[in-house]
Structures are given as structure tokens and as C-alpha cells.
Amino acid sequence: MNRYIVAAILTTLLWNTLLSKGWTQPRSCISQSLPEVSNSVNSFRQGDVIVIGKVPNRHYVVVVPGKSEQLLNVVRSYVTDAFLAHHRLGAYVYAGGSANRHEAECLSSVLRSHGLDARVVYFH
């Protein structure tokens, strides 16, 4: 009888640990490409000018479908320079662009872990 109680307690503790928020967080791949997620990912320096918007040669783009200011503000709480954009398929929040898919998937994973419908698309 005591074995079953101990087994039930251990199972409950293990189950709660596996379901805790710490286990559902994305792996820390942002630090490899972006020191902090909130850093600017949609701008670059060209001489003395800082260009803001879609960065050239970053074809893998993290988008969050939608066009509301509320959605934009939520995305901006993680990526400060996110902006609204339009495509023939609909409006979206442009969260960031990357030259390689891994970095874009990483940012998308971070945003998805916060409940956002983030996706990686390829624009040429």
C-alpha cells in the first residue's frame, strides 16, 4: 500500500515538473544571433544612416498574421521594431528577417512560446 502512495506522489511531482513552464520554453538559440529578442532586428546601418524596415538579403521573415494595433503592440513587447506590413495574401506583423532559416525559426519559436501565431516565410 505504501509503495503505491509513494509511486503516486513521485508520478505527480514528475508530471508537474514536466508540464511546468520551464520545460515548455524554447531553447535559448536567440543568444547566438540576437543578444536580446527586444533588440532591433529590422534595421541596419548604411554609412551614417540607419535604415529601418525590411532589411535586404534577409529572405526568411518571421510574420504574425493580423493587422491590429493591439497585436502589433504585443509583438513589439518582444521585438521593439516590429511593424505592420501587407502582402497580396493579407496583412501581417513583420517581426524580423534573417539570412538563414535557423535564426528565423528561433525567433518564431520564441514568439510562439508567448502565444503568438508566428510563422517563417521566405520572400525573394
N, C-alpha and C. Protein backbone atom coordinates (compact mmCIF):
# COMPACT_ATOMS: atom_id res chain seq x y z
N MET A 1 0.81 -1.19 0.00
CA MET A 1 0.00 0.00 0.00
C MET A 1 0.86 1.26 0.00
N ASN A 2 1.90 1.29 0.83
CA ASN A 2 2.78 2.46 0.90
C ASN A 2 3.53 2.67 -0.41
N ARG A 3 3.86 1.55 -1.07
CA ARG A 3 4.56 1.67 -2.36
C ARG A 3 3.72 2.44 -3.36
N TYR A 4 2.42 2.17 -3.38
CA TYR A 4 1.53 2.84 -4.33
C TYR A 4 1.39 4.32 -4.01
N ILE A 5 1.36 4.67 -2.76
CA ILE A 5 1.28 6.08 -2.36
C ILE A 5 2.54 6.81 -2.76
N VAL A 6 3.70 6.21 -2.50
CA VAL A 6 4.98 6.81 -2.87
C VAL A 6 5.06 6.94 -4.40
N ALA A 7 4.65 5.89 -5.11
CA ALA A 7 4.68 5.94 -6.57
C ALA A 7 3.75 7.02 -7.10
N ALA A 8 2.58 7.17 -6.49
CA ALA A 8 1.63 8.20 -6.93
C ALA A 8 2.19 9.60 -6.68
N ILE A 9 2.82 9.81 -5.54
CA ILE A 9 3.40 11.12 -5.22
C ILE A 9 4.54 11.44 -6.19
N LEU A 10 5.42 10.46 -6.43
CA LEU A 10 6.53 10.69 -7.36
C LEU A 10 6.02 10.95 -8.78
N THR A 11 5.02 10.21 -9.20
CA THR A 11 4.44 10.43 -10.53
C THR A 11 3.85 11.82 -10.64
N THR A 12 3.14 12.26 -9.61
CA THR A 12 2.54 13.59 -9.61
C THR A 12 3.61 14.67 -9.67
N LEU A 13 4.67 14.52 -8.87
CA LEU A 13 5.75 15.50 -8.88
C LEU A 13 6.46 15.55 -10.24
N LEU A 14 6.73 14.37 -10.80
CA LEU A 14 7.39 14.31 -12.10
C LEU A 14 6.51 14.91 -13.19
N TRP A 15 5.24 14.60 -13.16
CA TRP A 15 4.30 15.12 -14.15
C TRP A 15 4.23 16.65 -14.08
N ASN A 16 4.12 17.19 -12.87
CA ASN A 16 4.08 18.65 -12.71
C ASN A 16 5.37 19.31 -13.17
N THR A 17 6.50 18.65 -12.92
CA THR A 17 7.78 19.20 -13.38
C THR A 17 7.85 19.22 -14.89
N LEU A 18 7.42 18.15 -15.54
CA LEU A 18 7.47 18.10 -16.99
C LEU A 18 6.52 19.08 -17.65
N LEU A 19 5.42 19.38 -16.99
CA LEU A 19 4.45 20.31 -17.55
C LEU A 19 4.70 21.76 -17.14
N SER A 20 5.69 21.98 -16.33
CA SER A 20 5.95 23.35 -15.86
C SER A 20 6.40 24.22 -17.02
N LYS A 21 6.30 25.51 -16.84
CA LYS A 21 6.62 26.47 -17.89
C LYS A 21 8.08 26.37 -18.31
N GLY A 22 8.96 26.01 -17.40
CA GLY A 22 10.37 25.91 -17.73
C GLY A 22 10.65 24.88 -18.81
N TRP A 23 9.88 23.82 -18.86
CA TRP A 23 10.08 22.79 -19.86
C TRP A 23 9.49 23.18 -21.20
N THR A 24 8.55 24.13 -21.22
CA THR A 24 7.90 24.49 -22.48
C THR A 24 8.57 25.68 -23.15
N GLN A 25 9.56 26.26 -22.50
CA GLN A 25 10.24 27.40 -23.10
C GLN A 25 11.11 26.93 -24.27
N PRO A 26 11.24 27.75 -25.31
CA PRO A 26 12.09 27.36 -26.42
C PRO A 26 13.55 27.35 -25.98
N ARG A 27 14.34 26.55 -26.64
CA ARG A 27 15.74 26.55 -26.28
C ARG A 27 16.34 27.91 -26.57
N SER A 28 17.39 28.23 -25.88
CA SER A 28 17.96 29.57 -25.97
C SER A 28 18.84 29.70 -27.20
N CYS A 29 18.23 29.81 -28.35
CA CYS A 29 19.01 29.98 -29.57
C CYS A 29 19.10 31.44 -29.96
N ILE A 30 18.33 32.29 -29.33
CA ILE A 30 18.36 33.72 -29.64
C ILE A 30 19.72 34.29 -29.34
N SER A 31 20.37 33.83 -28.28
CA SER A 31 21.65 34.41 -27.89
C SER A 31 22.72 34.25 -28.97
N GLN A 32 22.58 33.25 -29.84
CA GLN A 32 23.56 33.06 -30.90
C GLN A 32 23.47 34.16 -31.95
N SER A 33 22.25 34.61 -32.24
CA SER A 33 22.09 35.56 -33.33
C SER A 33 21.64 36.93 -32.86
N LEU A 34 20.86 36.98 -31.81
CA LEU A 34 20.34 38.22 -31.28
C LEU A 34 20.59 38.24 -29.78
N PRO A 35 21.44 39.11 -29.27
CA PRO A 35 21.74 39.11 -27.84
C PRO A 35 20.49 39.20 -26.97
N GLU A 36 19.53 39.97 -27.38
CA GLU A 36 18.25 40.05 -26.68
C GLU A 36 17.18 40.10 -27.75
N VAL A 37 16.06 39.47 -27.50
CA VAL A 37 15.00 39.47 -28.50
C VAL A 37 14.51 40.88 -28.75
N SER A 38 14.53 41.70 -27.71
CA SER A 38 13.99 43.04 -27.86
C SER A 38 14.91 43.96 -28.66
N ASN A 39 16.10 43.51 -29.00
CA ASN A 39 16.98 44.34 -29.83
C ASN A 39 16.38 44.57 -31.21
N SER A 40 16.86 45.57 -31.85
CA SER A 40 16.41 45.89 -33.20
C SER A 40 16.86 44.80 -34.17
N VAL A 41 15.91 44.19 -34.87
CA VAL A 41 16.26 43.19 -35.87
C VAL A 41 15.84 43.64 -37.26
N ASN A 42 15.16 44.78 -37.35
CA ASN A 42 14.64 45.25 -38.62
C ASN A 42 15.29 46.56 -39.05
N SER A 43 16.54 46.72 -38.72
CA SER A 43 17.25 47.91 -39.15
C SER A 43 18.72 47.57 -39.38
N PHE A 44 19.37 48.41 -40.14
CA PHE A 44 20.80 48.25 -40.37
C PHE A 44 21.41 49.60 -40.66
N ARG A 45 22.69 49.70 -40.46
CA ARG A 45 23.40 50.95 -40.69
C ARG A 45 23.99 50.96 -42.09
N GLN A 46 23.74 52.05 -42.81
CA GLN A 46 24.30 52.22 -44.15
C GLN A 46 25.01 53.57 -44.14
N GLY A 47 26.29 53.52 -43.88
CA GLY A 47 27.05 54.77 -43.72
C GLY A 47 26.61 55.46 -42.44
N ASP A 48 26.19 56.71 -42.56
CA ASP A 48 25.72 57.46 -41.40
C ASP A 48 24.22 57.36 -41.18
N VAL A 49 23.55 56.56 -42.00
CA VAL A 49 22.09 56.46 -41.95
C VAL A 49 21.69 55.09 -41.40
N ILE A 50 20.69 55.10 -40.54
CA ILE A 50 20.11 53.85 -40.06
C ILE A 50 18.82 53.62 -40.85
N VAL A 51 18.79 52.51 -41.57
CA VAL A 51 17.63 52.16 -42.39
C VAL A 51 16.73 51.24 -41.58
N ILE A 52 15.46 51.60 -41.48
CA ILE A 52 14.50 50.81 -40.70
C ILE A 52 13.48 50.21 -41.66
N GLY A 53 13.14 48.97 -41.46
CA GLY A 53 12.15 48.29 -42.29
C GLY A 53 12.66 46.94 -42.73
N LYS A 54 12.21 46.51 -43.89
CA LYS A 54 12.64 45.22 -44.44
C LYS A 54 14.11 45.32 -44.82
N VAL A 55 14.91 44.50 -44.18
CA VAL A 55 16.35 44.54 -44.40
C VAL A 55 16.69 43.68 -45.61
N PRO A 56 17.47 44.23 -46.57
CA PRO A 56 17.84 43.46 -47.77
C PRO A 56 18.61 42.19 -47.41
N ASN A 57 18.48 41.19 -48.24
CA ASN A 57 19.17 39.91 -48.11
C ASN A 57 18.79 39.13 -46.86
N ARG A 58 17.65 39.44 -46.29
CA ARG A 58 17.12 38.64 -45.18
C ARG A 58 15.78 38.09 -45.67
N HIS A 59 15.87 36.99 -46.39
CA HIS A 59 14.71 36.44 -47.08
C HIS A 59 13.79 35.62 -46.17
N TYR A 60 14.32 35.10 -45.07
CA TYR A 60 13.48 34.35 -44.13
C TYR A 60 12.87 35.34 -43.16
N VAL A 61 11.56 35.49 -43.22
CA VAL A 61 10.87 36.52 -42.46
C VAL A 61 9.93 35.88 -41.46
N VAL A 62 9.95 36.39 -40.24
CA VAL A 62 9.02 35.94 -39.20
C VAL A 62 7.82 36.87 -39.24
N VAL A 63 6.66 36.31 -39.49
CA VAL A 63 5.42 37.10 -39.59
C VAL A 63 4.41 36.57 -38.57
N VAL A 64 3.55 37.49 -38.14
CA VAL A 64 2.41 37.14 -37.29
C VAL A 64 1.18 37.66 -38.02
N PRO A 65 0.35 36.77 -38.56
CA PRO A 65 -0.82 37.22 -39.33
C PRO A 65 -1.74 38.11 -38.49
N GLY A 66 -2.20 39.19 -39.11
CA GLY A 66 -3.11 40.12 -38.44
C GLY A 66 -2.72 41.55 -38.74
N LYS A 67 -3.61 42.47 -38.40
CA LYS A 67 -3.30 43.86 -38.70
C LYS A 67 -3.71 44.83 -37.61
N SER A 68 -4.03 44.34 -36.42
CA SER A 68 -4.48 45.23 -35.36
C SER A 68 -3.31 45.88 -34.63
N GLU A 69 -3.56 47.06 -34.12
CA GLU A 69 -2.55 47.77 -33.34
C GLU A 69 -2.25 47.00 -32.05
N GLN A 70 -3.26 46.35 -31.51
CA GLN A 70 -3.07 45.57 -30.28
C GLN A 70 -2.08 44.42 -30.53
N LEU A 71 -2.24 43.71 -31.64
CA LEU A 71 -1.32 42.64 -31.99
C LEU A 71 0.08 43.19 -32.20
N LEU A 72 0.17 44.32 -32.88
CA LEU A 72 1.47 44.95 -33.11
C LEU A 72 2.15 45.27 -31.78
N ASN A 73 1.40 45.82 -30.85
CA ASN A 73 1.98 46.17 -29.55
C ASN A 73 2.45 44.95 -28.78
N VAL A 74 1.72 43.84 -28.90
CA VAL A 74 2.15 42.60 -28.23
C VAL A 74 3.46 42.12 -28.84
N VAL A 75 3.54 42.11 -30.17
CA VAL A 75 4.78 41.67 -30.82
C VAL A 75 5.92 42.62 -30.47
N ARG A 76 5.64 43.92 -30.39
CA ARG A 76 6.68 44.90 -30.04
C ARG A 76 7.18 44.74 -28.61
N SER A 77 6.43 44.08 -27.78
CA SER A 77 6.93 43.84 -26.42
C SER A 77 8.09 42.84 -26.44
N TYR A 78 8.24 42.11 -27.54
CA TYR A 78 9.35 41.17 -27.70
C TYR A 78 10.35 41.62 -28.76
N VAL A 79 9.88 42.27 -29.81
CA VAL A 79 10.74 42.78 -30.88
C VAL A 79 10.36 44.25 -31.06
N THR A 80 11.20 45.14 -30.56
CA THR A 80 10.83 46.55 -30.45
C THR A 80 10.53 47.23 -31.78
N ASP A 81 11.13 46.78 -32.85
CA ASP A 81 10.92 47.47 -34.12
C ASP A 81 10.06 46.68 -35.10
N ALA A 82 9.18 45.83 -34.59
CA ALA A 82 8.22 45.13 -35.45
C ALA A 82 7.29 46.17 -36.07
N PHE A 83 6.75 45.85 -37.24
CA PHE A 83 5.86 46.81 -37.91
C PHE A 83 4.80 46.07 -38.71
N LEU A 84 3.72 46.78 -39.03
CA LEU A 84 2.65 46.22 -39.85
C LEU A 84 3.06 46.24 -41.32
N ALA A 85 2.71 45.19 -42.04
CA ALA A 85 3.02 45.12 -43.47
C ALA A 85 1.85 44.44 -44.18
N HIS A 86 1.83 44.58 -45.49
CA HIS A 86 0.75 43.99 -46.29
C HIS A 86 1.35 43.16 -47.41
N HIS A 87 0.66 42.10 -47.72
CA HIS A 87 1.02 41.21 -48.82
C HIS A 87 -0.27 40.91 -49.56
N ARG A 88 -0.17 40.42 -50.76
CA ARG A 88 -1.39 40.12 -51.52
C ARG A 88 -2.25 39.08 -50.83
N LEU A 89 -1.65 38.28 -49.93
CA LEU A 89 -2.40 37.27 -49.19
C LEU A 89 -2.99 37.81 -47.88
N GLY A 90 -2.63 39.04 -47.50
CA GLY A 90 -3.20 39.62 -46.29
C GLY A 90 -2.20 40.43 -45.50
N ALA A 91 -2.70 41.03 -44.43
CA ALA A 91 -1.87 41.87 -43.56
C ALA A 91 -1.18 41.01 -42.51
N TYR A 92 -0.03 41.48 -42.04
CA TYR A 92 0.72 40.76 -41.03
C TYR A 92 1.63 41.72 -40.28
N VAL A 93 2.11 41.26 -39.13
CA VAL A 93 3.13 41.99 -38.39
C VAL A 93 4.47 41.39 -38.80
N TYR A 94 5.35 42.24 -39.28
CA TYR A 94 6.70 41.84 -39.67
C TYR A 94 7.54 41.86 -38.40
N ALA A 95 7.84 40.69 -37.85
CA ALA A 95 8.59 40.62 -36.60
C ALA A 95 10.09 40.69 -36.82
N GLY A 96 10.57 40.12 -37.91
CA GLY A 96 12.01 40.16 -38.16
C GLY A 96 12.38 39.34 -39.36
N GLY A 97 13.53 39.65 -39.92
CA GLY A 97 14.05 38.92 -41.06
C GLY A 97 15.43 38.38 -40.75
N SER A 98 15.80 37.32 -41.46
CA SER A 98 17.10 36.70 -41.25
C SER A 98 17.62 36.15 -42.57
N ALA A 99 18.93 36.04 -42.66
CA ALA A 99 19.55 35.47 -43.84
C ALA A 99 19.49 33.94 -43.82
N ASN A 100 19.35 33.36 -42.63
CA ASN A 100 19.25 31.90 -42.59
C ASN A 100 18.00 31.46 -41.83
N ARG A 101 17.50 30.32 -42.19
CA ARG A 101 16.24 29.82 -41.67
C ARG A 101 16.30 29.52 -40.17
N HIS A 102 17.42 29.02 -39.69
CA HIS A 102 17.55 28.66 -38.28
C HIS A 102 17.28 29.86 -37.37
N GLU A 103 17.86 30.99 -37.68
CA GLU A 103 17.64 32.19 -36.87
C GLU A 103 16.18 32.62 -36.90
N ALA A 104 15.58 32.56 -38.08
CA ALA A 104 14.17 32.93 -38.19
C ALA A 104 13.28 31.97 -37.41
N GLU A 105 13.56 30.67 -37.51
CA GLU A 105 12.79 29.69 -36.75
C GLU A 105 12.94 29.90 -35.25
N CYS A 106 14.11 30.32 -34.84
CA CYS A 106 14.36 30.57 -33.42
C CYS A 106 13.48 31.72 -32.93
N LEU A 107 13.47 32.84 -33.66
CA LEU A 107 12.64 33.98 -33.28
C LEU A 107 11.17 33.59 -33.31
N SER A 108 10.77 32.84 -34.32
CA SER A 108 9.40 32.37 -34.42
C SER A 108 9.03 31.51 -33.22
N SER A 109 9.93 30.65 -32.80
CA SER A 109 9.70 29.78 -31.64
C SER A 109 9.52 30.60 -30.37
N VAL A 110 10.33 31.62 -30.20
CA VAL A 110 10.20 32.48 -29.02
C VAL A 110 8.84 33.16 -29.01
N LEU A 111 8.43 33.70 -30.15
CA LEU A 111 7.13 34.38 -30.22
C LEU A 111 5.98 33.40 -30.01
N ARG A 112 6.09 32.20 -30.57
CA ARG A 112 5.05 31.18 -30.38
C ARG A 112 4.95 30.76 -28.92
N SER A 113 6.08 30.73 -28.22
CA SER A 113 6.06 30.35 -26.80
C SER A 113 5.30 31.38 -25.97
N HIS A 114 5.12 32.57 -26.52
CA HIS A 114 4.36 33.62 -25.83
C HIS A 114 2.94 33.72 -26.37
N GLY A 115 2.51 32.70 -27.10
CA GLY A 115 1.13 32.63 -27.56
C GLY A 115 0.83 33.33 -28.87
N LEU A 116 1.84 33.74 -29.59
CA LEU A 116 1.64 34.42 -30.87
C LEU A 116 1.71 33.41 -32.01
N ASP A 117 0.93 33.65 -33.06
CA ASP A 117 0.89 32.76 -34.23
C ASP A 117 2.01 33.14 -35.20
N ALA A 118 3.24 33.00 -34.75
CA ALA A 118 4.41 33.39 -35.56
C ALA A 118 4.76 32.30 -36.55
N ARG A 119 5.11 32.72 -37.77
CA ARG A 119 5.47 31.77 -38.84
C ARG A 119 6.68 32.30 -39.59
N VAL A 120 7.42 31.39 -40.17
CA VAL A 120 8.55 31.78 -41.01
C VAL A 120 8.13 31.63 -42.46
N VAL A 121 8.30 32.70 -43.22
CA VAL A 121 8.02 32.65 -44.66
C VAL A 121 9.28 33.07 -45.40
N TYR A 122 9.36 32.68 -46.65
CA TYR A 122 10.51 33.04 -47.48
C TYR A 122 10.05 34.01 -48.55
N PHE A 123 10.62 35.20 -48.55
CA PHE A 123 10.35 36.20 -49.59
C PHE A 123 11.61 36.37 -50.41
N HIS A 124 11.48 36.34 -51.75
CA HIS A 124 12.67 36.62 -52.57
C HIS A 124 12.63 38.03 -53.03
